């Protein structure tokens, strides 16, 4: 038994060391691999549903991987199109601002110079468009790697589970199951709920922007849908920006309309209608913890932080809950309920 346990510890140490080495060697594709793992984790119930309905494992895996790939292309392609092909439209919108915006409050007056802001925004849009165009080959290779990793994990899901369960003592298997459920719920909340809400936001935004006569209605709707992945702030940034542009240009009626109707129809209704119906099944984190995880993850590790940040917070919450229900903690008496022994006067 001792020799077996010693061999297991050596293998675990080797696994940790090789994982760290792989992270260094595969740094350029690490984000892609981690992203693919989280997506595969989310897609497994759909793959299992097809298997339960009589489809072979290979067919179910291929179908789910293909649909996931098409969905990812459908989500990324419009953003790439906006940055590269419609950059002139966004630049025209930015350039429509006057050179200066006076702000008067009682006896105080401040003039905001927009020329430096316009120049900075134009440079950022051009740089983003050129970087997207120049990285087309690299993105294609990463997309292929993403598909291979997702397919491989969905084809043999039991292998990962067997390793995780085999390395852990049987006493903590219930805790591993709790972690599994928390990861699944958090990832479904991030991908499925957010994606459905983003699609609804884009549709509502396009209807509002088209009816109000904005030239770049589709572009603005796509941007609003993408911003739906940013908690709390969301598509309200687009609404407020359009209202400010119209107000500065002297179009007060449209500025007022887009601010009121846009905040309600685009900024509020998709969250109020779509999210509650899906969130119950997904078991999402509270919005405060989700926002903390999102912001902290993005600022720390970049774009992938919008997934790993909330996931880390979710696992932390689950750990706290596991500790609070542990036998030693659950059975411990409350200090306030402990009856202190009577003491003789003057012994204190």
C-alpha atoms as a PDB file:
ATOM      1  CA  UNK A   1       0.000   0.000   0.000  1.00  0.00           C
ATOM      2  CA  UNK A   2       2.773   2.419   0.922  1.00  0.00           C
ATOM      3  CA  UNK A   3       4.706   1.658  -2.254  1.00  0.00           C
ATOM      4  CA  UNK A   4       1.556   2.180  -4.343  1.00  0.00           C
ATOM      5  CA  UNK A   5       0.867   5.485  -2.615  1.00  0.00           C
ATOM      6  CA  UNK A   6       4.469   6.593  -3.138  1.00  0.00           C
ATOM      7  CA  UNK A   7       4.250   5.742  -6.836  1.00  0.00           C
ATOM      8  CA  UNK A   8       0.980   7.663  -7.101  1.00  0.00           C
ATOM      9  CA  UNK A   9       2.543  10.728  -5.494  1.00  0.00           C
ATOM     10  CA  UNK A  10       5.451  10.584  -7.936  1.00  0.00           C
ATOM     11  CA  UNK A  11       3.024  10.390 -10.847  1.00  0.00           C
ATOM     12  CA  UNK A  12       1.053  13.339  -9.480  1.00  0.00           C
ATOM     13  CA  UNK A  13       4.233  15.380  -9.167  1.00  0.00           C
ATOM     14  CA  UNK A  14       5.194  14.397 -12.711  1.00  0.00           C
ATOM     15  CA  UNK A  15       1.735  15.457 -13.893  1.00  0.00           C
ATOM     16  CA  UNK A  16       2.086  18.861 -12.221  1.00  0.00           C
ATOM     17  CA  UNK A  17       5.561  19.377 -13.640  1.00  0.00           C
ATOM     18  CA  UNK A  18       4.580  18.357 -17.174  1.00  0.00           C
ATOM     19  CA  UNK A  19       1.484  20.543 -16.988  1.00  0.00           C
ATOM     20  CA  UNK A  20       3.627  23.553 -16.081  1.00  0.00           C
ATOM     21  CA  UNK A  21       6.084  22.707 -18.876  1.00  0.00           C
ATOM     22  CA  UNK A  22       3.240  22.351 -21.369  1.00  0.00           C
ATOM     23  CA  UNK A  23       1.852  25.720 -20.315  1.00  0.00           C
ATOM     24  CA  UNK A  24       5.213  27.327 -21.147  1.00  0.00           C
ATOM     25  CA  UNK A  25       5.783  25.464 -24.414  1.00  0.00           C
ATOM     26  CA  UNK A  26       2.189  25.877 -25.622  1.00  0.00           C
ATOM     27  CA  UNK A  27       1.751  29.451 -24.394  1.00  0.00           C
ATOM     28  CA  UNK A  28       0.605  30.713 -27.813  1.00  0.00           C
ATOM     29  CA  UNK A  29      -2.309  28.279 -27.945  1.00  0.00           C
ATOM     30  CA  UNK A  30      -2.979  27.946 -24.214  1.00  0.00           C
ATOM     31  CA  UNK A  31      -5.955  30.300 -24.331  1.00  0.00           C
ATOM     32  CA  UNK A  32      -7.441  28.330 -27.225  1.00  0.00           C
ATOM     33  CA  UNK A  33      -7.045  25.010 -25.401  1.00  0.00           C
ATOM     34  CA  UNK A  34      -8.545  26.326 -22.151  1.00  0.00           C
ATOM     35  CA  UNK A  35     -11.419  27.905 -24.047  1.00  0.00           C
ATOM     36  CA  UNK A  36     -12.050  24.621 -25.888  1.00  0.00           C
ATOM     37  CA  UNK A  37     -12.079  22.694 -22.586  1.00  0.00           C
ATOM     38  CA  UNK A  38     -14.722  25.001 -21.096  1.00  0.00           C
ATOM     39  CA  UNK A  39     -16.826  24.778 -24.268  1.00  0.00           C
ATOM     40  CA  UNK A  40     -16.596  20.971 -24.307  1.00  0.00           C
ATOM     41  CA  UNK A  41     -17.665  20.911 -20.657  1.00  0.00           C
ATOM     42  CA  UNK A  42     -20.740  22.938 -21.586  1.00  0.00           C
ATOM     43  CA  UNK A  43     -21.585  20.869 -24.687  1.00  0.00           C
ATOM     44  CA  UNK A  44     -21.376  17.432 -23.053  1.00  0.00           C
ATOM     45  CA  UNK A  45     -25.068  17.334 -21.939  1.00  0.00           C
ATOM     46  CA  UNK A  46     -26.160  18.036 -25.539  1.00  0.00           C
ATOM     47  CA  UNK A  47     -23.888  15.285 -26.838  1.00  0.00           C
ATOM     48  CA  UNK A  48     -25.254  12.888 -24.206  1.00  0.00           C
ATOM     49  CA  UNK A  49     -28.812  13.805 -25.198  1.00  0.00           C
ATOM     50  CA  UNK A  50     -28.140  12.716 -28.777  1.00  0.00           C
ATOM     51  CA  UNK A  51     -26.572   9.466 -27.554  1.00  0.00           C
ATOM     52  CA  UNK A  52     -29.596   8.748 -25.355  1.00  0.00           C
ATOM     53  CA  UNK A  53     -31.841   9.208 -28.398  1.00  0.00           C
ATOM     54  CA  UNK A  54     -30.102   6.400 -30.275  1.00  0.00           C
ATOM     55  CA  UNK A  55     -27.318   8.141 -32.189  1.00  0.00           C
ATOM     56  CA  UNK A  56     -23.826   6.698 -32.091  1.00  0.00           C
ATOM     57  CA  UNK A  57     -21.221   8.427 -29.961  1.00  0.00           C
ATOM     58  CA  UNK A  58     -19.175   9.387 -33.014  1.00  0.00           C
ATOM     59  CA  UNK A  59     -22.152  10.915 -34.817  1.00  0.00           C
ATOM     60  CA  UNK A  60     -23.318  12.756 -31.697  1.00  0.00           C
ATOM     61  CA  UNK A  61     -19.834  14.115 -31.029  1.00  0.00           C
ATOM     62  CA  UNK A  62     -19.366  15.248 -34.627  1.00  0.00           C
ATOM     63  CA  UNK A  63     -22.797  16.900 -34.722  1.00  0.00           C
ATOM     64  CA  UNK A  64     -22.339  18.801 -31.470  1.00  0.00           C
ATOM     65  CA  UNK A  65     -18.795  19.882 -32.388  1.00  0.00           C
ATOM     66  CA  UNK A  66     -19.961  21.059 -35.819  1.00  0.00           C
ATOM     67  CA  UNK A  67     -22.858  23.053 -34.422  1.00  0.00           C
ATOM     68  CA  UNK A  68     -20.569  24.613 -31.802  1.00  0.00           C
ATOM     69  CA  UNK A  69     -18.061  25.576 -34.500  1.00  0.00           C
ATOM     70  CA  UNK A  70     -20.738  27.159 -36.667  1.00  0.00           C
ATOM     71  CA  UNK A  71     -22.148  29.029 -33.684  1.00  0.00           C
ATOM     72  CA  UNK A  72     -18.683  30.361 -32.825  1.00  0.00           C
ATOM     73  CA  UNK A  73     -18.126  31.493 -36.418  1.00  0.00           C
ATOM     74  CA  UNK A  74     -21.558  33.131 -36.458  1.00  0.00           C
ATOM     75  CA  UNK A  75     -20.664  35.015 -33.268  1.00  0.00           C
ATOM     76  CA  UNK A  76     -17.152  36.097 -34.300  1.00  0.00           C
ATOM     77  CA  UNK A  77     -17.648  36.818 -38.000  1.00  0.00           C
ATOM     78  CA  UNK A  78     -19.992  39.809 -37.545  1.00  0.00           C
ATOM     79  CA  UNK A  79     -17.559  41.397 -35.098  1.00  0.00           C
ATOM     80  CA  UNK A  80     -14.671  40.913 -37.534  1.00  0.00           C
ATOM     81  CA  UNK A  81     -16.808  42.346 -40.329  1.00  0.00           C
ATOM     82  CA  UNK A  82     -17.674  45.393 -38.241  1.00  0.00           C
ATOM     83  CA  UNK A  83     -14.045  46.048 -37.326  1.00  0.00           C
ATOM     84  CA  UNK A  84     -12.656  45.593 -40.835  1.00  0.00           C
ATOM     85  CA  UNK A  85     -15.332  46.361 -43.409  1.00  0.00           C
ATOM     86  CA  UNK A  86     -17.466  48.873 -41.503  1.00  0.00           C
ATOM     87  CA  UNK A  87     -14.673  50.757 -39.761  1.00  0.00           C
ATOM     88  CA  UNK A  88     -15.335  53.775 -41.997  1.00  0.00           C
ATOM     89  CA  UNK A  89     -18.926  53.909 -40.740  1.00  0.00           C
ATOM     90  CA  UNK A  90     -17.782  53.890 -37.128  1.00  0.00           C
ATOM     91  CA  UNK A  91     -15.165  56.532 -37.912  1.00  0.00           C
ATOM     92  CA  UNK A  92     -17.805  58.734 -39.570  1.00  0.00           C
ATOM     93  CA  UNK A  93     -19.934  58.408 -36.461  1.00  0.00           C
ATOM     94  CA  UNK A  94     -17.021  59.486 -34.270  1.00  0.00           C
ATOM     95  CA  UNK A  95     -16.052  62.308 -36.623  1.00  0.00           C
ATOM     96  CA  UNK A  96     -19.595  63.700 -36.550  1.00  0.00           C
ATOM     97  CA  UNK A  97     -18.860  65.097 -33.111  1.00  0.00           C
ATOM     98  CA  UNK A  98     -18.023  68.823 -33.044  1.00  0.00           C
ATOM     99  CA  UNK A  99     -14.500  69.988 -32.255  1.00  0.00           C
ATOM    100  CA  UNK A 100     -15.575  71.105 -28.795  1.00  0.00           C
ATOM    101  CA  UNK A 101     -18.506  70.454 -26.466  1.00  0.00           C
ATOM    102  CA  UNK A 102     -19.360  73.247 -23.996  1.00  0.00           C
ATOM    103  CA  UNK A 103     -20.789  72.180 -20.648  1.00  0.00           C
ATOM    104  CA  UNK A 104     -22.411  74.915 -18.563  1.00  0.00           C
ATOM    105  CA  UNK A 105     -23.463  74.413 -14.934  1.00  0.00           C
ATOM    106  CA  UNK A 106     -24.595  77.632 -13.305  1.00  0.00           C
ATOM    107  CA  UNK A 107     -21.699  80.047 -13.247  1.00  0.00           C
ATOM    108  CA  UNK A 108     -19.186  77.405 -14.314  1.00  0.00           C
ATOM    109  CA  UNK A 109     -18.459  76.498 -17.914  1.00  0.00           C
ATOM    110  CA  UNK A 110     -16.169  73.769 -19.218  1.00  0.00           C
ATOM    111  CA  UNK A 111     -15.244  73.136 -22.840  1.00  0.00           C
ATOM    112  CA  UNK A 112     -14.327  69.565 -23.775  1.00  0.00           C
ATOM    113  CA  UNK A 113     -12.032  69.308 -26.798  1.00  0.00           C
ATOM    114  CA  UNK A 114     -13.028  66.255 -28.846  1.00  0.00           C
ATOM    115  CA  UNK A 115     -10.220  66.443 -31.428  1.00  0.00           C
ATOM    116  CA  UNK A 116      -7.720  64.355 -29.384  1.00  0.00           C
ATOM    117  CA  UNK A 117     -10.461  61.853 -28.521  1.00  0.00           C
ATOM    118  CA  UNK A 118     -11.478  61.491 -32.177  1.00  0.00           C
ATOM    119  CA  UNK A 119      -7.868  60.958 -33.245  1.00  0.00           C
ATOM    120  CA  UNK A 120      -7.329  58.299 -30.578  1.00  0.00           C
ATOM    121  CA  UNK A 121     -10.569  56.481 -31.454  1.00  0.00           C
ATOM    122  CA  UNK A 122      -9.712  56.527 -35.167  1.00  0.00           C
ATOM    123  CA  UNK A 123      -6.244  55.085 -34.524  1.00  0.00           C
ATOM    124  CA  UNK A 124      -7.659  52.328 -32.315  1.00  0.00           C
ATOM    125  CA  UNK A 125     -10.248  51.317 -34.911  1.00  0.00           C
ATOM    126  CA  UNK A 126      -7.648  51.220 -37.692  1.00  0.00           C
ATOM    127  CA  UNK A 127      -5.235  49.189 -35.565  1.00  0.00           C
ATOM    128  CA  UNK A 128      -7.963  46.708 -34.596  1.00  0.00           C
ATOM    129  CA  UNK A 129      -9.068  46.270 -38.204  1.00  0.00           C
ATOM    130  CA  UNK A 130      -5.505  45.724 -39.462  1.00  0.00           C
ATOM    131  CA  UNK A 131      -4.679  43.281 -36.647  1.00  0.00           C
ATOM    132  CA  UNK A 132      -7.772  41.217 -37.432  1.00  0.00           C
ATOM    133  CA  UNK A 133      -6.886  41.102 -41.134  1.00  0.00           C
ATOM    134  CA  UNK A 134      -3.227  40.243 -40.468  1.00  0.00           C
ATOM    135  CA  UNK A 135      -4.044  37.459 -38.026  1.00  0.00           C
ATOM    136  CA  UNK A 136      -6.398  35.572 -40.352  1.00  0.00           C
ATOM    137  CA  UNK A 137      -3.996  32.618 -40.821  1.00  0.00           C
ATOM    138  CA  UNK A 138      -3.254  32.298 -37.115  1.00  0.00           C
ATOM    139  CA  UNK A 139      -6.947  32.491 -36.272  1.00  0.00           C
ATOM    140  CA  UNK A 140      -7.685  29.721 -38.777  1.00  0.00           C
ATOM    141  CA  UNK A 141      -5.103  27.427 -37.168  1.00  0.00           C
ATOM    142  CA  UNK A 142      -6.455  28.179 -33.712  1.00  0.00           C
ATOM    143  CA  UNK A 143      -9.999  27.469 -34.916  1.00  0.00           C
ATOM    144  CA  UNK A 144      -8.838  24.082 -36.200  1.00  0.00           C
ATOM    145  CA  UNK A 145      -7.122  23.354 -32.880  1.00  0.00           C
ATOM    146  CA  UNK A 146     -10.284  24.405 -31.038  1.00  0.00           C
ATOM    147  CA  UNK A 147     -12.383  21.944 -33.075  1.00  0.00           C
ATOM    148  CA  UNK A 148      -9.912  19.086 -32.512  1.00  0.00           C
ATOM    149  CA  UNK A 149      -9.756  19.617 -28.737  1.00  0.00           C
ATOM    150  CA  UNK A 150     -13.541  19.895 -28.394  1.00  0.00           C
ATOM    151  CA  UNK A 151     -14.098  16.762 -30.489  1.00  0.00           C
ATOM    152  CA  UNK A 152     -11.470  14.792 -28.579  1.00  0.00           C
ATOM    153  CA  UNK A 153     -12.895  15.693 -25.162  1.00  0.00           C
ATOM    154  CA  UNK A 154     -16.466  14.938 -26.227  1.00  0.00           C
ATOM    155  CA  UNK A 155     -15.447  11.639 -27.852  1.00  0.00           C
ATOM    156  CA  UNK A 156     -13.827  10.286 -24.656  1.00  0.00           C
ATOM    157  CA  UNK A 157     -15.364  12.197 -21.729  1.00  0.00           C
ATOM    158  CA  UNK A 158     -15.040   9.269 -19.346  1.00  0.00           C
ATOM    159  CA  UNK A 159     -11.247   9.306 -19.519  1.00  0.00           C
ATOM    160  CA  UNK A 160     -10.908  12.668 -17.757  1.00  0.00           C
ATOM    161  CA  UNK A 161     -13.493  11.710 -15.148  1.00  0.00           C
ATOM    162  CA  UNK A 162     -11.780   8.379 -14.445  1.00  0.00           C
ATOM    163  CA  UNK A 163      -8.429  10.068 -13.883  1.00  0.00           C
ATOM    164  CA  UNK A 164      -9.912  12.718 -11.574  1.00  0.00           C
ATOM    165  CA  UNK A 165     -11.866  10.167  -9.531  1.00  0.00           C
ATOM    166  CA  UNK A 166      -8.992   7.692  -9.463  1.00  0.00           C
ATOM    167  CA  UNK A 167      -6.519  10.196  -8.064  1.00  0.00           C
ATOM    168  CA  UNK A 168      -8.858  11.375  -5.297  1.00  0.00           C
ATOM    169  CA  UNK A 169      -9.812   9.391  -2.184  1.00  0.00           C
ATOM    170  CA  UNK A 170     -13.355   8.037  -2.134  1.00  0.00           C
ATOM    171  CA  UNK A 171     -14.205  10.258   0.835  1.00  0.00           C
ATOM    172  CA  UNK A 172     -14.047  13.409  -1.310  1.00  0.00           C
ATOM    173  CA  UNK A 173     -15.931  12.052  -4.320  1.00  0.00           C
ATOM    174  CA  UNK A 174     -19.137  13.856  -3.214  1.00  0.00           C
ATOM    175  CA  UNK A 175     -17.165  17.119  -3.095  1.00  0.00           C
ATOM    176  CA  UNK A 176     -15.851  16.479  -6.619  1.00  0.00           C
ATOM    177  CA  UNK A 177     -19.428  15.970  -7.780  1.00  0.00           C
ATOM    178  CA  UNK A 178     -20.402  19.289  -6.204  1.00  0.00           C
ATOM    179  CA  UNK A 179     -17.519  20.996  -8.012  1.00  0.00           C
ATOM    180  CA  UNK A 180     -18.624  19.352 -11.245  1.00  0.00           C
ATOM    181  CA  UNK A 181     -22.142  20.697 -10.875  1.00  0.00           C
ATOM    182  CA  UNK A 182     -20.863  24.177 -10.023  1.00  0.00           C
ATOM    183  CA  UNK A 183     -18.556  24.243 -13.066  1.00  0.00           C
ATOM    184  CA  UNK A 184     -21.365  23.067 -15.328  1.00  0.00           C
ATOM    185  CA  UNK A 185     -23.835  25.621 -13.984  1.00  0.00           C
ATOM    186  CA  UNK A 186     -21.361  28.499 -14.210  1.00  0.00           C
ATOM    187  CA  UNK A 187     -20.250  27.667 -17.746  1.00  0.00           C
ATOM    188  CA  UNK A 188     -23.826  27.224 -18.945  1.00  0.00           C
ATOM    189  CA  UNK A 189     -24.641  30.572 -17.365  1.00  0.00           C
ATOM    190  CA  UNK A 190     -21.706  32.221 -19.138  1.00  0.00           C
ATOM    191  CA  UNK A 191     -22.136  30.688 -22.580  1.00  0.00           C
ATOM    192  CA  UNK A 192     -25.758  29.683 -23.087  1.00  0.00           C
ATOM    193  CA  UNK A 193     -27.561  32.348 -21.064  1.00  0.00           C
ATOM    194  CA  UNK A 194     -25.255  35.171 -22.154  1.00  0.00           C
ATOM    195  CA  UNK A 195     -25.358  34.103 -25.815  1.00  0.00           C
ATOM    196  CA  UNK A 196     -29.160  33.887 -25.877  1.00  0.00           C
ATOM    197  CA  UNK A 197     -29.448  37.279 -24.196  1.00  0.00           C
ATOM    198  CA  UNK A 198     -26.906  38.779 -26.627  1.00  0.00           C
ATOM    199  CA  UNK A 199     -28.849  37.528 -29.655  1.00  0.00           C
ATOM    200  CA  UNK A 200     -32.083  38.969 -28.277  1.00  0.00           C
ATOM    201  CA  UNK A 201     -30.302  42.244 -27.552  1.00  0.00           C
ATOM    202  CA  UNK A 202     -28.962  42.487 -31.122  1.00  0.00           C
ATOM    203  CA  UNK A 203     -32.408  41.883 -32.605  1.00  0.00           C
ATOM    204  CA  UNK A 204     -34.078  44.435 -30.343  1.00  0.00           C
ATOM    205  CA  UNK A 205     -31.281  46.945 -30.978  1.00  0.00           C
ATOM    206  CA  UNK A 206     -31.566  46.598 -34.752  1.00  0.00           C
ATOM    207  CA  UNK A 207     -35.315  47.217 -34.660  1.00  0.00           C
ATOM    208  CA  UNK A 208     -34.902  50.311 -32.484  1.00  0.00           C
ATOM    209  CA  UNK A 209     -31.972  51.768 -34.437  1.00  0.00           C
ATOM    210  CA  UNK A 210     -33.595  51.087 -37.827  1.00  0.00           C
ATOM    211  CA  UNK A 211     -36.894  52.707 -36.795  1.00  0.00           C
ATOM    212  CA  UNK A 212     -35.037  55.771 -35.502  1.00  0.00           C
ATOM    213  CA  UNK A 213     -33.198  56.145 -38.812  1.00  0.00           C
ATOM    214  CA  UNK A 214     -29.598  55.383 -37.886  1.00  0.00           C
ATOM    215  CA  UNK A 215     -27.492  54.590 -40.962  1.00  0.00           C
ATOM    216  CA  UNK A 216     -25.367  51.904 -39.308  1.00  0.00           C
ATOM    217  CA  UNK A 217     -28.231  50.067 -37.592  1.00  0.00           C
ATOM    218  CA  UNK A 218     -26.801  46.577 -38.173  1.00  0.00           C
ATOM    219  CA  UNK A 219     -23.324  47.578 -37.026  1.00  0.00           C
ATOM    220  CA  UNK A 220     -24.633  49.260 -33.898  1.00  0.00           C
ATOM    221  CA  UNK A 221     -26.886  46.271 -33.148  1.00  0.00           C
ATOM    222  CA  UNK A 222     -23.925  43.866 -33.373  1.00  0.00           C
ATOM    223  CA  UNK A 223     -21.863  46.057 -31.061  1.00  0.00           C
ATOM    224  CA  UNK A 224     -24.777  46.191 -28.589  1.00  0.00           C
ATOM    225  CA  UNK A 225     -25.078  42.393 -28.666  1.00  0.00           C
ATOM    226  CA  UNK A 226     -21.357  41.907 -28.043  1.00  0.00           C
ATOM    227  CA  UNK A 227     -21.453  44.362 -25.138  1.00  0.00           C
ATOM    228  CA  UNK A 228     -24.178  42.221 -23.557  1.00  0.00           C
ATOM    229  CA  UNK A 229     -21.338  39.962 -22.384  1.00  0.00           C
ATOM    230  CA  UNK A 230     -20.121  42.851 -20.213  1.00  0.00           C
ATOM    231  CA  UNK A 231     -22.193  42.642 -16.992  1.00  0.00           C
ATOM    232  CA  UNK A 232     -24.011  45.663 -15.554  1.00  0.00           C
ATOM    233  CA  UNK A 233     -22.756  48.072 -18.249  1.00  0.00           C
ATOM    234  CA  UNK A 234     -23.789  46.088 -21.319  1.00  0.00           C
ATOM    235  CA  UNK A 235     -25.414  47.694 -24.378  1.00  0.00           C
ATOM    236  CA  UNK A 236     -26.282  50.821 -22.407  1.00  0.00           C
ATOM    237  CA  UNK A 237     -22.923  52.233 -23.560  1.00  0.00           C
ATOM    238  CA  UNK A 238     -24.146  52.270 -27.177  1.00  0.00           C
ATOM    239  CA  UNK A 239     -27.479  53.833 -26.204  1.00  0.00           C
ATOM    240  CA  UNK A 240     -25.943  56.615 -24.138  1.00  0.00           C
ATOM    241  CA  UNK A 241     -23.293  57.317 -26.803  1.00  0.00           C
ATOM    242  CA  UNK A 242     -25.918  57.676 -29.527  1.00  0.00           C
ATOM    243  CA  UNK A 243     -27.994  59.951 -27.311  1.00  0.00           C
ATOM    244  CA  UNK A 244     -24.974  62.169 -26.626  1.00  0.00           C
ATOM    245  CA  UNK A 245     -24.070  62.344 -30.335  1.00  0.00           C
ATOM    246  CA  UNK A 246     -27.636  63.311 -31.279  1.00  0.00           C
ATOM    247  CA  UNK A 247     -27.838  65.825 -28.451  1.00  0.00           C
ATOM    248  CA  UNK A 248     -24.601  67.513 -29.496  1.00  0.00           C
ATOM    249  CA  UNK A 249     -25.760  67.543 -33.129  1.00  0.00           C
ATOM    250  CA  UNK A 250     -28.962  69.313 -32.087  1.00  0.00           C
ATOM    251  CA  UNK A 251     -31.322  66.372 -32.678  1.00  0.00           C
ATOM    252  CA  UNK A 252     -32.924  66.525 -29.233  1.00  0.00           C
ATOM    253  CA  UNK A 253     -36.103  64.514 -30.076  1.00  0.00           C
ATOM    254  CA  UNK A 254     -34.152  61.525 -31.386  1.00  0.00           C
ATOM    255  CA  UNK A 255     -31.656  61.757 -28.508  1.00  0.00           C
ATOM    256  CA  UNK A 256     -34.496  61.625 -25.988  1.00  0.00           C
ATOM    257  CA  UNK A 257     -36.244  58.794 -27.834  1.00  0.00           C
ATOM    258  CA  UNK A 258     -33.175  56.592 -28.189  1.00  0.00           C
ATOM    259  CA  UNK A 259     -32.251  57.159 -24.555  1.00  0.00           C
ATOM    260  CA  UNK A 260     -35.665  56.210 -23.172  1.00  0.00           C
ATOM    261  CA  UNK A 261     -36.733  53.536 -25.657  1.00  0.00           C
ATOM    262  CA  UNK A 262     -33.225  52.125 -26.057  1.00  0.00           C
ATOM    263  CA  UNK A 263     -32.536  51.706 -22.362  1.00  0.00           C
ATOM    264  CA  UNK A 264     -35.881  49.940 -21.897  1.00  0.00           C
ATOM    265  CA  UNK A 265     -36.128  47.803 -25.054  1.00  0.00           C
ATOM    266  CA  UNK A 266     -32.414  47.113 -25.632  1.00  0.00           C
ATOM    267  CA  UNK A 267     -30.832  47.491 -22.211  1.00  0.00           C
ATOM    268  CA  UNK A 268     -33.579  46.114 -19.953  1.00  0.00           C
ATOM    269  CA  UNK A 269     -36.075  43.810 -21.702  1.00  0.00           C
ATOM    270  CA  UNK A 270     -33.645  41.081 -22.932  1.00  0.00           C
ATOM    271  CA  UNK A 271     -32.219  40.798 -19.413  1.00  0.00           C
ATOM    272  CA  UNK A 272     -35.677  40.844 -17.840  1.00  0.00           C
ATOM    273  CA  UNK A 273     -37.319  38.347 -20.221  1.00  0.00           C
ATOM    274  CA  UNK A 274     -34.645  35.968 -21.540  1.00  0.00           C
ATOM    275  CA  UNK A 275     -32.222  35.709 -18.648  1.00  0.00           C
ATOM    276  CA  UNK A 276     -34.658  34.711 -15.842  1.00  0.00           C
ATOM    277  CA  UNK A 277     -36.124  31.860 -17.906  1.00  0.00           C
ATOM    278  CA  UNK A 278     -32.700  30.355 -18.620  1.00  0.00           C
ATOM    279  CA  UNK A 279     -30.935  31.331 -15.402  1.00  0.00           C
ATOM    280  CA  UNK A 280     -33.110  29.041 -13.295  1.00  0.00           C
ATOM    281  CA  UNK A 281     -31.897  26.014 -15.243  1.00  0.00           C
ATOM    282  CA  UNK A 282     -28.319  27.292 -15.382  1.00  0.00           C
ATOM    283  CA  UNK A 283     -27.960  28.164 -11.712  1.00  0.00           C
ATOM    284  CA  UNK A 284     -26.031  31.369 -12.348  1.00  0.00           C
ATOM    285  CA  UNK A 285     -23.933  33.223  -9.826  1.00  0.00           C
ATOM    286  CA  UNK A 286     -25.385  36.338  -8.230  1.00  0.00           C
ATOM    287  CA  UNK A 287     -24.748  39.338 -10.475  1.00  0.00           C
ATOM    288  CA  UNK A 288     -22.393  40.948  -7.939  1.00  0.00           C
ATOM    289  CA  UNK A 289     -20.082  37.930  -7.766  1.00  0.00           C
ATOM    290  CA  UNK A 290     -20.310  37.481 -11.526  1.00  0.00           C
ATOM    291  CA  UNK A 291     -19.269  41.105 -12.077  1.00  0.00           C
ATOM    292  CA  UNK A 292     -16.339  40.756  -9.656  1.00  0.00           C
ATOM    293  CA  UNK A 293     -15.159  37.606 -11.420  1.00  0.00           C
ATOM    294  CA  UNK A 294     -15.638  39.114 -14.874  1.00  0.00           C
ATOM    295  CA  UNK A 295     -13.750  42.351 -14.191  1.00  0.00           C
ATOM    296  CA  UNK A 296     -10.989  40.675 -12.192  1.00  0.00           C
ATOM    297  CA  UNK A 297     -10.528  37.935 -14.782  1.00  0.00           C
ATOM    298  CA  UNK A 298     -10.407  40.288 -17.776  1.00  0.00           C
ATOM    299  CA  UNK A 299      -7.981  42.692 -16.085  1.00  0.00           C
ATOM    300  CA  UNK A 300      -5.728  39.844 -14.925  1.00  0.00           C
ATOM    301  CA  UNK A 301      -5.539  37.367 -17.813  1.00  0.00           C
ATOM    302  CA  UNK A 302      -7.175  39.165 -20.724  1.00  0.00           C
ATOM    303  CA  UNK A 303     -10.205  38.162 -22.855  1.00  0.00           C
ATOM    304  CA  UNK A 304     -10.359  34.610 -21.506  1.00  0.00           C
ATOM    305  CA  UNK A 305     -10.961  36.113 -18.080  1.00  0.00           C
ATOM    306  CA  UNK A 306     -14.627  36.605 -18.910  1.00  0.00           C
ATOM    307  CA  UNK A 307     -14.928  32.813 -18.543  1.00  0.00           C
ATOM    308  CA  UNK A 308     -12.229  31.907 -16.023  1.00  0.00           C
ATOM    309  CA  UNK A 309     -12.933  34.854 -13.704  1.00  0.00           C
ATOM    310  CA  UNK A 310     -16.569  33.951 -12.894  1.00  0.00           C
ATOM    311  CA  UNK A 311     -15.589  30.273 -12.879  1.00  0.00           C
ATOM    312  CA  UNK A 312     -12.933  30.900 -10.214  1.00  0.00           C
ATOM    313  CA  UNK A 313     -15.424  32.862  -8.111  1.00  0.00           C
ATOM    314  CA  UNK A 314     -17.999  30.091  -8.525  1.00  0.00           C
ATOM    315  CA  UNK A 315     -15.539  27.443  -7.319  1.00  0.00           C
ATOM    316  CA  UNK A 316     -14.610  29.659  -4.373  1.00  0.00           C
ATOM    317  CA  UNK A 317     -18.298  29.988  -3.431  1.00  0.00           C
ATOM    318  CA  UNK A 318     -18.755  26.224  -3.731  1.00  0.00           C
ATOM    319  CA  UNK A 319     -15.708  25.608  -1.509  1.00  0.00           C
ATOM    320  CA  UNK A 320     -17.099  27.910   1.163  1.00  0.00           C
ATOM    321  CA  UNK A 321     -20.419  26.053   1.037  1.00  0.00           C
ATOM    322  CA  UNK A 322     -18.656  22.694   1.286  1.00  0.00           C
ATOM    323  CA  UNK A 323     -16.715  23.887   4.325  1.00  0.00           C
ATOM    324  CA  UNK A 324     -19.856  25.236   5.971  1.00  0.00           C
ATOM    325  CA  UNK A 325     -21.560  21.833   5.648  1.00  0.00           C
ATOM    326  CA  UNK A 326     -18.516  19.743   6.627  1.00  0.00           C
ATOM    327  CA  UNK A 327     -19.244  17.326   9.499  1.00  0.00           C
ATOM    328  CA  UNK A 328     -16.757  18.953  11.866  1.00  0.00           C
ATOM    329  CA  UNK A 329     -18.165  22.417  11.200  1.00  0.00           C
ATOM    330  CA  UNK A 330     -21.811  21.423  11.090  1.00  0.00           C
ATOM    331  CA  UNK A 331     -21.692  19.644  14.434  1.00  0.00           C
ATOM    332  CA  UNK A 332     -19.606  22.259  16.217  1.00  0.00           C
ATOM    333  CA  UNK A 333     -21.575  24.156  18.875  1.00  0.00           C
ATOM    334  CA  UNK A 334     -22.236  27.834  18.487  1.00  0.00           C
ATOM    335  CA  UNK A 335     -20.038  29.749  20.994  1.00  0.00           C
ATOM    336  CA  UNK A 336     -23.064  31.814  22.025  1.00  0.00           C
ATOM    337  CA  UNK A 337     -24.983  28.627  22.861  1.00  0.00           C
ATOM    338  CA  UNK A 338     -22.293  27.130  25.103  1.00  0.00           C
ATOM    339  CA  UNK A 339     -23.297  27.336  28.775  1.00  0.00           C
ATOM    340  CA  UNK A 340     -20.437  28.739  30.759  1.00  0.00           C
ATOM    341  CA  UNK A 341     -19.872  27.115  34.170  1.00  0.00           C
ATOM    342  CA  UNK A 342     -20.814  29.093  37.215  1.00  0.00           C
ATOM    343  CA  UNK A 343     -17.882  30.725  38.911  1.00  0.00           C
ATOM    344  CA  UNK A 344     -17.376  31.454  42.562  1.00  0.00           C
ATOM    345  CA  UNK A 345     -17.483  35.134  43.425  1.00  0.00           C
ATOM    346  CA  UNK A 346     -14.075  36.714  43.407  1.00  0.00           C
ATOM    347  CA  UNK A 347     -12.441  33.983  41.251  1.00  0.00           C
ATOM    348  CA  UNK A 348     -12.312  36.130  38.114  1.00  0.00           C
END
